[in-house]
Amino acid sequence: MKNIWMLPAFLAIAFLVFTLWTIAATGQPLGFVAEHTHSPWGAQIGIDLFNALCVGIYFANVLSRQYRFRAWPYVFLTLCTGSPGVLALAARVLYARRASLATDSNGSFYSRNLRRCGRTQSPTL
């Protein structure tokens, strides 16, 4: 799965376009607030989305340090749009992960883990 990062990138763009269309069609950029306050199920969905937002922001900060990219664009996008920001983060992490695997000298996940453990050769079977 060489270009798996394209799937969350496509989903992020598609959902962002849908969100922008919804805002333009209704003229209410904060229209979701009314939906989350008029029933217990709406409140439950709102709390669930808030929890997912917090987890997404946390992972943006942690993964950006691990893969050496800036977290703030993904945090900002997540705060403004919700899941399109988290999907964009997923695409960026998958892309960075693929790039880091491609720069491995032997080209394999196994050889990188051997070096991490202090070994230079694979065990003989």
Protein backbone atom coordinates (compact mmCIF):
# COMPACT_ATOMS: atom_id res chain seq x y z
CA MET A 1 0.00 0.00 0.00
CA LYS A 2 2.41 2.59 -1.25
CA ASN A 3 0.07 5.58 -1.41
CA ILE A 4 -2.39 4.75 1.37
CA TRP A 5 -2.07 8.33 2.63
CA MET A 6 -4.21 9.43 -0.33
CA LEU A 7 -7.35 7.84 1.14
CA PRO A 8 -7.58 10.04 4.27
CA ALA A 9 -6.42 13.03 2.19
CA PHE A 10 -9.29 12.48 -0.26
CA LEU A 11 -11.79 12.00 2.58
CA ALA A 12 -10.55 15.19 4.28
CA ILE A 13 -10.98 17.24 1.12
CA ALA A 14 -14.37 15.70 0.29
CA PHE A 15 -15.77 16.29 3.77
CA LEU A 16 -14.32 19.81 3.92
CA VAL A 17 -16.02 20.65 0.62
CA PHE A 18 -19.30 19.23 1.95
CA THR A 19 -18.92 21.25 5.16
CA LEU A 20 -18.27 24.46 3.24
CA TRP A 21 -21.24 23.75 0.98
CA THR A 22 -23.47 23.20 4.04
CA ILE A 23 -22.34 26.50 5.55
CA ALA A 24 -22.95 28.32 2.27
CA ALA A 25 -26.35 26.69 1.72
CA THR A 26 -27.66 27.42 5.22
CA GLY A 27 -25.81 30.66 5.87
CA GLN A 28 -25.12 29.47 9.42
CA PRO A 29 -21.48 28.65 10.17
CA LEU A 30 -22.44 27.68 13.73
CA GLY A 31 -25.66 25.87 12.83
CA PHE A 32 -24.42 22.66 14.43
CA VAL A 33 -24.75 24.22 17.90
CA ALA A 34 -28.55 24.23 17.69
CA GLU A 35 -28.53 20.59 16.63
CA HIS A 36 -26.48 19.58 19.66
CA THR A 37 -28.62 21.42 22.19
CA HIS A 38 -32.22 20.47 21.41
CA SER A 39 -32.23 16.79 22.45
CA PRO A 40 -30.28 14.38 24.66
CA TRP A 41 -29.06 12.50 21.58
CA GLY A 42 -27.81 15.74 20.07
CA ALA A 43 -25.95 16.51 23.28
CA GLN A 44 -24.45 13.01 23.31
CA ILE A 45 -23.23 13.45 19.73
CA GLY A 46 -21.79 16.85 20.59
CA ILE A 47 -19.90 15.49 23.60
CA ASP A 48 -18.64 12.57 21.52
CA LEU A 49 -17.36 14.91 18.82
CA PHE A 50 -15.70 17.11 21.46
CA ASN A 51 -13.90 14.06 22.87
CA ALA A 52 -12.73 13.08 19.39
CA LEU A 53 -11.55 16.66 18.84
CA CYS A 54 -9.42 16.53 22.01
CA VAL A 55 -7.90 13.18 21.01
CA GLY A 56 -7.15 14.50 17.52
CA ILE A 57 -5.38 17.56 18.90
CA TYR A 58 -3.37 15.40 21.30
CA PHE A 59 -2.26 13.07 18.51
CA ALA A 60 -1.39 16.03 16.29
CA ASN A 61 1.03 17.26 18.92
CA VAL A 62 2.54 13.85 19.68
CA LEU A 63 2.85 12.63 16.09
CA SER A 64 4.19 15.93 14.78
CA ARG A 65 7.14 15.59 17.16
CA GLN A 66 7.72 11.97 16.17
CA TYR A 67 7.59 12.61 12.40
CA ARG A 68 9.05 16.14 12.57
CA PHE A 69 6.35 18.33 11.08
CA ARG A 70 4.42 21.29 12.44
CA ALA A 71 1.29 20.49 14.42
CA TRP A 72 -0.40 23.89 14.39
CA PRO A 73 -1.92 23.69 10.87
CA TYR A 74 -3.61 20.40 11.76
CA VAL A 75 -4.71 21.64 15.20
CA PHE A 76 -6.14 24.80 13.61
CA LEU A 77 -7.89 22.84 10.87
CA THR A 78 -9.29 20.40 13.43
CA LEU A 79 -10.59 23.23 15.62
CA CYS A 80 -12.24 24.91 12.64
CA THR A 81 -13.61 21.90 10.77
CA GLY A 82 -13.50 18.83 13.01
CA SER A 83 -12.86 15.54 11.26
CA PRO A 84 -11.38 17.02 8.04
CA GLY A 85 -8.49 18.24 10.21
CA VAL A 86 -8.03 14.83 11.80
CA LEU A 87 -8.20 13.15 8.39
CA ALA A 88 -5.60 15.59 7.04
CA LEU A 89 -3.40 14.71 10.03
CA ALA A 90 -3.83 11.01 9.28
CA ALA A 91 -2.81 11.59 5.67
CA ARG A 92 0.27 13.58 6.75
CA VAL A 93 1.35 10.93 9.26
CA LEU A 94 0.92 8.11 6.73
CA TYR A 95 2.89 10.10 4.17
CA ALA A 96 5.67 10.85 6.67
CA ARG A 97 5.73 7.24 7.77
CA ARG A 98 6.06 6.03 4.18
CA ALA A 99 8.85 8.55 3.58
CA SER A 100 10.72 7.47 6.70
CA LEU A 101 10.49 3.82 5.67
CA ALA A 102 11.73 4.68 2.19
CA THR A 103 14.86 6.33 3.59
CA ASP A 104 15.86 3.23 5.53
CA SER A 105 19.25 2.07 4.22
CA ASN A 106 18.22 -1.56 3.76
CA GLY A 107 14.66 -0.69 2.90
CA SER A 108 13.03 -2.97 5.42
CA PHE A 109 11.15 -2.53 8.65
CA TYR A 110 12.91 -5.55 10.14
CA SER A 111 16.44 -4.21 9.62
CA ARG A 112 15.52 -0.88 11.24
CA ASN A 113 14.20 -2.68 14.32
CA LEU A 114 17.35 -4.81 14.51
CA ARG A 115 19.48 -1.65 14.65
CA ARG A 116 17.20 -0.22 17.33
CA CYS A 117 17.78 -3.38 19.42
CA GLY A 118 21.54 -3.16 18.94
CA ARG A 119 21.80 -6.07 16.52
CA THR A 120 23.36 -5.83 13.11
CA GLN A 121 22.32 -9.18 11.63
CA SER A 122 19.12 -11.12 11.69
CA PRO A 123 19.10 -14.28 13.80
CA THR A 124 19.71 -17.53 11.95
CA LEU A 125 16.92 -20.07 11.92
